[in-house]
């Protein structure tokens, strides 16, 4: 399984060397993101910031949810208006999220229809999803291919909050 994740990391390194914007990782502080990405485009709620990130295929909405300590617990990327979320951008986002894990992480990519448990909840990998999960380190990344493409990284804490 780990061998399937390696190409995602390779794409990320290629994207960085081509000058693509470096996205954040869950676990980063709001101040760090503001320093790197500038002033957010919007703040729809007290704990959510939104940036527009320009990519080769158009602008993407980059949304980050923070906990009470201003630490990122969820991050999402989706096309804005007519833009497209390219495979390269989605893979770079996933690789960036995985890069924050310890080197001996247990992240694995799931197959369509495969059941998994994350933060005490049971899920199944959908037909239009690519899912990478590391329950031990508390990271779940879901890349929705269709009908509305997006990629989302969440921590155990974020999933637990949705149960409240």
N, C-alpha and C. Protein backbone atom coordinates (compact mmCIF):
# COMPACT_ATOMS: atom_id res chain seq x y z
N UNK A 1 0.81 -1.20 0.00
CA UNK A 1 0.00 0.00 0.00
C UNK A 1 0.86 1.27 0.00
N UNK A 2 1.94 1.24 0.76
CA UNK A 2 2.78 2.40 0.86
C UNK A 2 3.37 2.77 -0.50
N UNK A 3 3.60 1.77 -1.33
CA UNK A 3 4.15 2.01 -2.66
C UNK A 3 3.20 2.84 -3.51
N UNK A 4 1.90 2.76 -3.27
CA UNK A 4 0.93 3.55 -4.03
C UNK A 4 0.98 5.01 -3.63
N UNK A 5 1.43 5.30 -2.42
CA UNK A 5 1.48 6.68 -1.94
C UNK A 5 2.73 7.38 -2.46
N UNK A 6 3.80 6.65 -2.72
CA UNK A 6 5.04 7.25 -3.18
C UNK A 6 4.88 8.11 -4.43
N UNK A 7 4.10 7.69 -5.46
CA UNK A 7 3.92 8.58 -6.62
C UNK A 7 3.28 9.92 -6.24
N UNK A 8 2.42 9.94 -5.22
CA UNK A 8 1.83 11.20 -4.78
C UNK A 8 2.91 12.14 -4.27
N UNK A 9 3.88 11.59 -3.52
CA UNK A 9 4.96 12.41 -2.98
C UNK A 9 5.85 12.94 -4.11
N UNK A 10 6.10 12.12 -5.10
CA UNK A 10 6.91 12.53 -6.24
C UNK A 10 6.24 13.68 -6.98
N UNK A 11 4.92 13.61 -7.17
CA UNK A 11 4.19 14.70 -7.83
C UNK A 11 4.31 15.99 -7.04
N UNK A 12 4.28 15.89 -5.72
CA UNK A 12 4.36 17.09 -4.89
C UNK A 12 5.71 17.77 -5.05
N UNK A 13 6.77 16.98 -5.03
CA UNK A 13 8.10 17.55 -5.20
C UNK A 13 8.21 18.23 -6.57
N UNK A 14 7.68 17.60 -7.60
CA UNK A 14 7.70 18.19 -8.94
C UNK A 14 6.93 19.50 -8.96
N UNK A 15 5.79 19.54 -8.30
CA UNK A 15 4.97 20.76 -8.27
C UNK A 15 5.72 21.89 -7.55
N UNK A 16 6.41 21.59 -6.47
CA UNK A 16 7.13 22.63 -5.74
C UNK A 16 8.25 23.19 -6.59
N UNK A 17 8.96 22.32 -7.32
CA UNK A 17 10.06 22.81 -8.13
C UNK A 17 9.57 23.63 -9.31
N UNK A 18 8.32 23.44 -9.73
CA UNK A 18 7.75 24.23 -10.81
C UNK A 18 7.18 25.54 -10.32
N UNK A 19 7.24 25.77 -9.00
CA UNK A 19 6.78 27.04 -8.47
C UNK A 19 5.31 27.04 -8.08
N UNK A 20 4.66 25.89 -8.00
CA UNK A 20 3.26 25.84 -7.58
C UNK A 20 3.17 26.26 -6.12
N UNK A 21 2.06 26.88 -5.72
CA UNK A 21 1.94 27.32 -4.34
C UNK A 21 1.98 26.15 -3.39
N UNK A 22 2.63 26.35 -2.29
CA UNK A 22 2.72 25.32 -1.28
C UNK A 22 1.53 25.45 -0.34
N UNK A 23 0.71 24.42 -0.28
CA UNK A 23 -0.44 24.43 0.60
C UNK A 23 -0.01 24.07 2.01
N UNK A 24 -0.85 24.33 2.95
CA UNK A 24 -0.54 24.06 4.34
C UNK A 24 -0.81 22.59 4.68
N UNK A 25 -0.62 22.28 5.93
CA UNK A 25 -0.89 20.94 6.43
C UNK A 25 -1.71 21.08 7.70
N UNK A 26 -2.59 20.10 7.93
CA UNK A 26 -3.30 20.12 9.20
C UNK A 26 -2.27 20.15 10.31
N UNK A 27 -2.56 20.90 11.34
CA UNK A 27 -1.63 21.04 12.45
C UNK A 27 -0.88 22.36 12.45
N UNK A 28 -0.98 23.14 11.36
CA UNK A 28 -0.32 24.43 11.31
C UNK A 28 -1.18 25.49 12.00
N UNK A 29 -0.52 26.53 12.47
CA UNK A 29 -1.21 27.63 13.15
C UNK A 29 -1.71 28.66 12.14
N UNK A 30 -2.78 29.35 12.52
CA UNK A 30 -3.37 30.38 11.66
C UNK A 30 -2.36 31.46 11.31
N UNK A 31 -1.55 31.87 12.27
CA UNK A 31 -0.56 32.93 12.03
C UNK A 31 0.45 32.51 10.96
N UNK A 32 0.86 31.25 10.97
CA UNK A 32 1.80 30.75 9.97
C UNK A 32 1.18 30.81 8.57
N UNK A 33 -0.10 30.43 8.49
CA UNK A 33 -0.79 30.46 7.21
C UNK A 33 -0.95 31.87 6.69
N UNK A 34 -1.32 32.78 7.57
CA UNK A 34 -1.48 34.19 7.16
C UNK A 34 -0.15 34.75 6.66
N UNK A 35 0.94 34.38 7.33
CA UNK A 35 2.25 34.89 6.92
C UNK A 35 2.61 34.36 5.53
N UNK A 36 2.33 33.10 5.27
CA UNK A 36 2.72 32.50 3.99
C UNK A 36 1.75 32.82 2.87
N UNK A 37 0.43 32.81 3.16
CA UNK A 37 -0.58 32.98 2.13
C UNK A 37 -1.14 34.40 2.05
N UNK A 38 -0.82 35.23 3.02
CA UNK A 38 -1.36 36.58 3.03
C UNK A 38 -2.73 36.64 3.69
N UNK A 39 -3.36 37.77 3.51
CA UNK A 39 -4.67 38.00 4.12
C UNK A 39 -5.71 37.08 3.47
N UNK A 40 -6.53 36.39 4.28
CA UNK A 40 -7.57 35.53 3.71
C UNK A 40 -8.60 36.34 2.93
N UNK A 41 -9.22 35.69 1.96
CA UNK A 41 -10.28 36.32 1.18
C UNK A 41 -11.54 36.50 2.02
N UNK A 42 -11.76 35.54 2.92
CA UNK A 42 -12.98 35.58 3.74
C UNK A 42 -12.76 34.84 5.04
N UNK A 43 -13.64 35.13 6.00
CA UNK A 43 -13.68 34.41 7.26
C UNK A 43 -15.16 34.18 7.58
N UNK A 44 -15.76 33.13 6.97
CA UNK A 44 -17.19 32.91 7.11
C UNK A 44 -17.64 32.58 8.53
N UNK A 45 -16.74 32.03 9.32
CA UNK A 45 -17.00 31.78 10.74
C UNK A 45 -15.73 32.11 11.50
N UNK A 46 -15.86 32.25 12.80
CA UNK A 46 -14.72 32.63 13.63
C UNK A 46 -13.52 31.70 13.45
N UNK A 47 -13.77 30.41 13.27
CA UNK A 47 -12.69 29.43 13.21
C UNK A 47 -12.38 28.93 11.78
N UNK A 48 -12.86 29.64 10.76
CA UNK A 48 -12.63 29.22 9.38
C UNK A 48 -12.06 30.39 8.56
N UNK A 49 -10.98 30.11 7.82
CA UNK A 49 -10.39 31.09 6.92
C UNK A 49 -10.42 30.53 5.51
N UNK A 50 -10.58 31.42 4.52
CA UNK A 50 -10.66 31.01 3.12
C UNK A 50 -9.73 31.88 2.29
N UNK A 51 -8.92 31.21 1.47
CA UNK A 51 -8.04 31.90 0.52
C UNK A 51 -8.40 31.46 -0.89
N UNK A 52 -8.15 32.31 -1.87
CA UNK A 52 -8.19 31.93 -3.28
C UNK A 52 -6.75 31.67 -3.69
N UNK A 53 -6.50 30.47 -4.19
CA UNK A 53 -5.16 30.07 -4.60
C UNK A 53 -5.18 29.92 -6.11
N UNK A 54 -4.32 30.66 -6.78
CA UNK A 54 -4.27 30.62 -8.25
C UNK A 54 -3.42 29.44 -8.70
N UNK A 55 -4.00 28.60 -9.52
CA UNK A 55 -3.31 27.44 -10.10
C UNK A 55 -3.37 27.56 -11.61
N UNK A 56 -2.67 26.71 -12.33
CA UNK A 56 -2.65 26.78 -13.79
C UNK A 56 -4.03 26.58 -14.40
N UNK A 57 -4.90 25.82 -13.74
CA UNK A 57 -6.24 25.53 -14.25
C UNK A 57 -7.30 26.46 -13.66
N UNK A 58 -6.87 27.54 -13.02
CA UNK A 58 -7.82 28.51 -12.46
C UNK A 58 -7.70 28.62 -10.95
N UNK A 59 -8.55 29.44 -10.37
CA UNK A 59 -8.52 29.69 -8.93
C UNK A 59 -9.19 28.57 -8.15
N UNK A 60 -8.60 28.24 -7.01
CA UNK A 60 -9.15 27.23 -6.13
C UNK A 60 -9.45 27.87 -4.79
N UNK A 61 -10.53 27.43 -4.16
CA UNK A 61 -10.85 27.86 -2.81
C UNK A 61 -10.11 26.96 -1.84
N UNK A 62 -9.35 27.57 -0.97
CA UNK A 62 -8.58 26.84 0.03
C UNK A 62 -9.17 27.22 1.39
N UNK A 63 -9.83 26.28 2.03
CA UNK A 63 -10.54 26.53 3.28
C UNK A 63 -9.85 25.79 4.42
N UNK A 64 -9.65 26.50 5.53
CA UNK A 64 -8.99 25.91 6.69
C UNK A 64 -9.85 26.13 7.93
N UNK A 65 -10.08 25.06 8.69
CA UNK A 65 -10.83 25.12 9.94
C UNK A 65 -9.84 24.96 11.09
N UNK A 66 -9.98 25.80 12.12
CA UNK A 66 -9.06 25.81 13.26
C UNK A 66 -9.77 25.42 14.55
N UNK A 67 -8.98 24.89 15.49
CA UNK A 67 -9.51 24.62 16.82
C UNK A 67 -9.37 25.88 17.68
N UNK A 68 -9.62 25.77 18.97
CA UNK A 68 -9.58 26.92 19.87
C UNK A 68 -8.18 27.50 20.03
N UNK A 69 -7.15 26.71 19.72
CA UNK A 69 -5.77 27.17 19.84
C UNK A 69 -5.24 27.70 18.51
N UNK A 70 -6.13 27.90 17.53
CA UNK A 70 -5.76 28.38 16.18
C UNK A 70 -4.86 27.41 15.43
N UNK A 71 -5.07 26.11 15.68
CA UNK A 71 -4.34 25.06 14.98
C UNK A 71 -5.29 24.43 13.95
N UNK A 72 -4.81 24.25 12.75
CA UNK A 72 -5.62 23.68 11.67
C UNK A 72 -6.03 22.24 11.99
N UNK A 73 -7.34 21.97 11.87
CA UNK A 73 -7.85 20.61 12.09
C UNK A 73 -8.55 20.07 10.84
N UNK A 74 -8.74 20.90 9.84
CA UNK A 74 -9.31 20.46 8.56
C UNK A 74 -8.93 21.46 7.48
N UNK A 75 -8.65 20.92 6.29
CA UNK A 75 -8.28 21.77 5.16
C UNK A 75 -8.90 21.20 3.90
N UNK A 76 -9.43 22.07 3.07
CA UNK A 76 -10.05 21.62 1.84
C UNK A 76 -9.65 22.49 0.66
N UNK A 77 -9.69 21.87 -0.50
CA UNK A 77 -9.35 22.56 -1.74
C UNK A 77 -10.37 22.17 -2.78
N UNK A 78 -11.00 23.19 -3.41
CA UNK A 78 -11.97 22.90 -4.47
C UNK A 78 -11.95 24.02 -5.50
N UNK A 79 -12.39 23.72 -6.72
CA UNK A 79 -12.37 24.73 -7.78
C UNK A 79 -13.33 25.88 -7.48
N UNK A 80 -12.92 27.06 -7.90
CA UNK A 80 -13.75 28.26 -7.79
C UNK A 80 -14.29 28.58 -9.17
N UNK A 81 -15.60 28.68 -9.29
CA UNK A 81 -16.29 28.96 -10.55
C UNK A 81 -15.90 27.97 -11.64
N UNK A 82 -15.28 28.42 -12.72
CA UNK A 82 -14.99 27.55 -13.87
C UNK A 82 -13.62 26.85 -13.78
N UNK A 83 -12.93 27.01 -12.69
CA UNK A 83 -11.60 26.40 -12.55
C UNK A 83 -11.71 24.88 -12.47
N UNK A 84 -10.60 24.23 -12.60
CA UNK A 84 -10.54 22.77 -12.51
C UNK A 84 -9.54 22.39 -11.42
N UNK A 85 -9.87 21.32 -10.72
CA UNK A 85 -8.94 20.73 -9.75
C UNK A 85 -8.20 19.63 -10.49
N UNK A 86 -6.94 19.88 -10.83
CA UNK A 86 -6.18 18.90 -11.61
C UNK A 86 -5.71 17.76 -10.72
N UNK A 87 -5.44 16.62 -11.34
CA UNK A 87 -4.89 15.48 -10.61
C UNK A 87 -3.58 15.87 -9.94
N UNK A 88 -2.74 16.62 -10.64
CA UNK A 88 -1.45 17.02 -10.09
C UNK A 88 -1.63 17.86 -8.83
N UNK A 89 -2.57 18.80 -8.85
CA UNK A 89 -2.80 19.64 -7.68
C UNK A 89 -3.35 18.82 -6.52
N UNK A 90 -4.31 17.94 -6.79
CA UNK A 90 -4.88 17.10 -5.72
C UNK A 90 -3.81 16.20 -5.12
N UNK A 91 -2.98 15.61 -5.97
CA UNK A 91 -1.92 14.72 -5.46
C UNK A 91 -0.88 15.51 -4.65
N UNK A 92 -0.56 16.72 -5.07
CA UNK A 92 0.37 17.55 -4.32
C UNK A 92 -0.20 17.91 -2.95
N UNK A 93 -1.50 18.21 -2.92
CA UNK A 93 -2.17 18.52 -1.65
C UNK A 93 -2.09 17.31 -0.72
N UNK A 94 -2.39 16.13 -1.23
CA UNK A 94 -2.35 14.90 -0.42
C UNK A 94 -0.93 14.65 0.08
N UNK A 95 0.04 14.78 -0.80
CA UNK A 95 1.43 14.55 -0.41
C UNK A 95 1.87 15.52 0.67
N UNK A 96 1.44 16.76 0.56
CA UNK A 96 1.79 17.76 1.57
C UNK A 96 1.20 17.37 2.92
N UNK A 97 -0.04 16.88 2.93
CA UNK A 97 -0.65 16.44 4.18
C UNK A 97 0.12 15.26 4.77
N UNK A 98 0.51 14.32 3.92
CA UNK A 98 1.23 13.13 4.40
C UNK A 98 2.63 13.48 4.89
N UNK A 99 3.21 14.54 4.36
CA UNK A 99 4.57 14.90 4.75
C UNK A 99 4.66 15.33 6.22
N UNK A 100 3.54 15.68 6.83
CA UNK A 100 3.54 16.08 8.23
C UNK A 100 3.53 14.87 9.17
N UNK A 101 3.28 13.68 8.62
CA UNK A 101 3.24 12.47 9.45
C UNK A 101 4.64 11.98 9.77
N UNK A 102 4.78 11.22 10.86
CA UNK A 102 6.09 10.63 11.16
C UNK A 102 6.56 9.73 10.01
N UNK A 103 7.86 9.56 9.89
CA UNK A 103 8.40 8.77 8.78
C UNK A 103 7.93 7.32 8.79
N UNK A 104 7.56 6.80 9.94
CA UNK A 104 7.08 5.42 10.03
C UNK A 104 5.55 5.34 10.02
N UNK A 105 4.90 6.32 9.39
CA UNK A 105 3.44 6.38 9.40
C UNK A 105 2.82 5.15 8.74
N UNK A 106 1.54 4.96 9.02
CA UNK A 106 0.80 3.80 8.50
C UNK A 106 -0.27 4.23 7.50
N UNK A 107 -0.10 5.39 6.87
CA UNK A 107 -1.08 5.86 5.89
C UNK A 107 -1.20 4.86 4.76
N UNK A 108 -2.44 4.63 4.34
CA UNK A 108 -2.66 3.70 3.23
C UNK A 108 -3.81 4.20 2.37
N UNK A 109 -3.71 3.92 1.09
CA UNK A 109 -4.76 4.29 0.15
C UNK A 109 -5.75 3.14 0.08
N UNK A 110 -7.03 3.46 0.15
CA UNK A 110 -8.07 2.44 0.16
C UNK A 110 -8.60 2.17 -1.23
N UNK A 111 -9.19 1.01 -1.40
CA UNK A 111 -9.83 0.64 -2.66
C UNK A 111 -11.31 0.99 -2.59
N UNK A 112 -11.92 1.21 -3.73
CA UNK A 112 -13.36 1.50 -3.79
C UNK A 112 -14.12 0.37 -3.09
N UNK A 113 -15.05 0.77 -2.22
CA UNK A 113 -15.86 -0.20 -1.50
C UNK A 113 -15.24 -0.69 -0.20
N UNK A 114 -13.99 -0.35 0.04
CA UNK A 114 -13.32 -0.81 1.26
C UNK A 114 -13.82 -0.03 2.47
N UNK A 115 -14.16 -0.76 3.52
CA UNK A 115 -14.62 -0.15 4.77
C UNK A 115 -13.42 0.24 5.62
N UNK A 116 -13.58 1.30 6.39
CA UNK A 116 -12.51 1.73 7.30
C UNK A 116 -13.14 2.45 8.48
N UNK A 117 -12.37 2.56 9.55
CA UNK A 117 -12.80 3.26 10.75
C UNK A 117 -11.82 4.40 11.00
N UNK A 118 -12.40 5.57 11.29
CA UNK A 118 -11.58 6.74 11.60
C UNK A 118 -12.29 7.52 12.69
N UNK A 119 -11.58 7.82 13.75
CA UNK A 119 -12.12 8.57 14.89
C UNK A 119 -13.39 7.91 15.44
N UNK A 120 -13.39 6.60 15.45
CA UNK A 120 -14.52 5.86 16.00
C UNK A 120 -15.73 5.75 15.09
N UNK A 121 -15.65 6.31 13.89
CA UNK A 121 -16.75 6.26 12.93
C UNK A 121 -16.40 5.27 11.83
N UNK A 122 -17.42 4.57 11.33
CA UNK A 122 -17.23 3.63 10.23
C UNK A 122 -17.60 4.31 8.92
N UNK A 123 -16.74 4.13 7.91
CA UNK A 123 -16.94 4.72 6.59
C UNK A 123 -16.66 3.66 5.53
N UNK A 124 -17.05 3.97 4.29
CA UNK A 124 -16.73 3.12 3.15
C UNK A 124 -16.22 4.03 2.03
N UNK A 125 -15.15 3.62 1.39
CA UNK A 125 -14.58 4.39 0.28
C UNK A 125 -15.53 4.32 -0.92
N UNK A 126 -16.02 5.47 -1.35
CA UNK A 126 -16.99 5.54 -2.45
C UNK A 126 -16.36 5.35 -3.82
N UNK A 127 -17.20 5.13 -4.80
CA UNK A 127 -16.75 4.88 -6.17
C UNK A 127 -16.02 6.08 -6.77
N UNK A 128 -16.40 7.29 -6.38
CA UNK A 128 -15.77 8.50 -6.92
C UNK A 128 -14.79 9.13 -5.93
N UNK A 129 -14.24 8.32 -5.04
CA UNK A 129 -13.33 8.83 -4.03
C UNK A 129 -11.99 8.10 -4.08
N UNK A 130 -10.99 8.83 -3.70
CA UNK A 130 -9.69 8.24 -3.38
C UNK A 130 -9.42 8.64 -1.94
N UNK A 131 -9.26 7.65 -1.10
CA UNK A 131 -9.13 7.89 0.33
C UNK A 131 -7.77 7.40 0.82
N UNK A 132 -7.11 8.25 1.60
CA UNK A 132 -5.88 7.88 2.29
C UNK A 132 -6.16 8.09 3.77
N UNK A 133 -5.88 7.06 4.57
CA UNK A 133 -6.17 7.14 6.00
C UNK A 133 -4.98 6.65 6.82
N UNK A 134 -4.73 7.35 7.91
CA UNK A 134 -3.78 6.91 8.92
C UNK A 134 -4.47 7.16 10.26
N UNK A 135 -5.26 6.17 10.69
CA UNK A 135 -6.04 6.31 11.92
C UNK A 135 -5.13 6.49 13.13
N UNK A 136 -4.00 5.83 13.12
CA UNK A 136 -3.07 5.91 14.25
C UNK A 136 -2.58 7.34 14.48
N UNK A 137 -2.27 8.05 13.41
CA UNK A 137 -1.79 9.43 13.51
C UNK A 137 -2.91 10.46 13.35
N UNK A 138 -4.15 9.99 13.18
CA UNK A 138 -5.29 10.90 13.16
C UNK A 138 -5.44 11.74 11.92
N UNK A 139 -5.17 11.17 10.73
CA UNK A 139 -5.31 11.92 9.49
C UNK A 139 -6.14 11.13 8.48
N UNK A 140 -7.12 11.81 7.90
CA UNK A 140 -7.96 11.24 6.85
C UNK A 140 -7.98 12.24 5.70
N UNK A 141 -7.67 11.77 4.48
CA UNK A 141 -7.70 12.63 3.30
C UNK A 141 -8.63 11.98 2.28
N UNK A 142 -9.61 12.77 1.82
CA UNK A 142 -10.58 12.27 0.85
C UNK A 142 -10.52 13.15 -0.39
N UNK A 143 -10.23 12.53 -1.51
CA UNK A 143 -10.20 13.21 -2.80
C UNK A 143 -11.45 12.76 -3.54
N UNK A 144 -12.40 13.65 -3.70
CA UNK A 144 -13.62 13.35 -4.44
C UNK A 144 -13.38 13.73 -5.90
N UNK A 145 -13.51 12.73 -6.77
CA UNK A 145 -13.23 12.93 -8.19
C UNK A 145 -14.43 13.56 -8.90
N UNK A 146 -15.62 13.08 -8.59
CA UNK A 146 -16.85 13.55 -9.24
C UNK A 146 -18.01 13.36 -8.28
N UNK A 147 -19.09 14.06 -8.41
CA UNK A 147 -19.44 15.02 -9.44
C UNK A 147 -18.81 16.40 -9.20
N UNK A 148 -18.53 16.76 -7.96
CA UNK A 148 -17.90 18.04 -7.65
C UNK A 148 -16.51 17.75 -7.08
N UNK A 149 -15.45 17.92 -7.86
CA UNK A 149 -14.11 17.57 -7.40
C UNK A 149 -13.67 18.43 -6.21
N UNK A 150 -13.02 17.78 -5.27
CA UNK A 150 -12.46 18.47 -4.11
C UNK A 150 -11.50 17.52 -3.41
N UNK A 151 -10.68 18.06 -2.55
CA UNK A 151 -9.82 17.25 -1.71
C UNK A 151 -9.89 17.84 -0.31
N UNK A 152 -10.02 16.96 0.68
CA UNK A 152 -10.24 17.37 2.05
C UNK A 152 -9.37 16.55 2.99
N UNK A 153 -8.67 17.23 3.88
CA UNK A 153 -7.88 16.57 4.92
C UNK A 153 -8.49 16.93 6.26
N UNK A 154 -8.76 15.92 7.07
CA UNK A 154 -9.34 16.16 8.40
C UNK A 154 -8.58 15.38 9.45
N UNK A 155 -8.59 15.93 10.65
CA UNK A 155 -7.99 15.27 11.79
C UNK A 155 -9.07 14.53 12.57
N UNK A 156 -8.61 13.69 13.47
CA UNK A 156 -9.52 12.98 14.36
C UNK A 156 -10.40 13.98 15.11
N UNK A 157 -9.80 15.07 15.57
CA UNK A 157 -10.53 16.09 16.33
C UNK A 157 -11.70 16.67 15.52
N UNK A 158 -11.49 16.91 14.24
CA UNK A 158 -12.55 17.48 13.40
C UNK A 158 -13.73 16.51 13.29
N UNK A 159 -13.45 15.24 13.10
CA UNK A 159 -14.53 14.25 13.00
C UNK A 159 -15.27 14.15 14.33
N UNK A 160 -14.54 14.18 15.41
CA UNK A 160 -15.17 14.12 16.74
C UNK A 160 -16.07 15.33 16.98
N UNK A 161 -15.69 16.49 16.49
CA UNK A 161 -16.50 17.71 16.65
C UNK A 161 -17.84 17.58 15.94
N UNK A 162 -17.85 16.91 14.81
CA UNK A 162 -19.10 16.79 14.05
C UNK A 162 -20.12 15.90 14.76
N UNK A 163 -19.66 15.10 15.70
CA UNK A 163 -20.59 14.24 16.48
C UNK A 163 -21.25 14.99 17.59
N UNK A 164 -20.73 16.13 18.00
CA UNK A 164 -21.28 16.87 19.15
C UNK A 164 -22.62 17.45 18.83
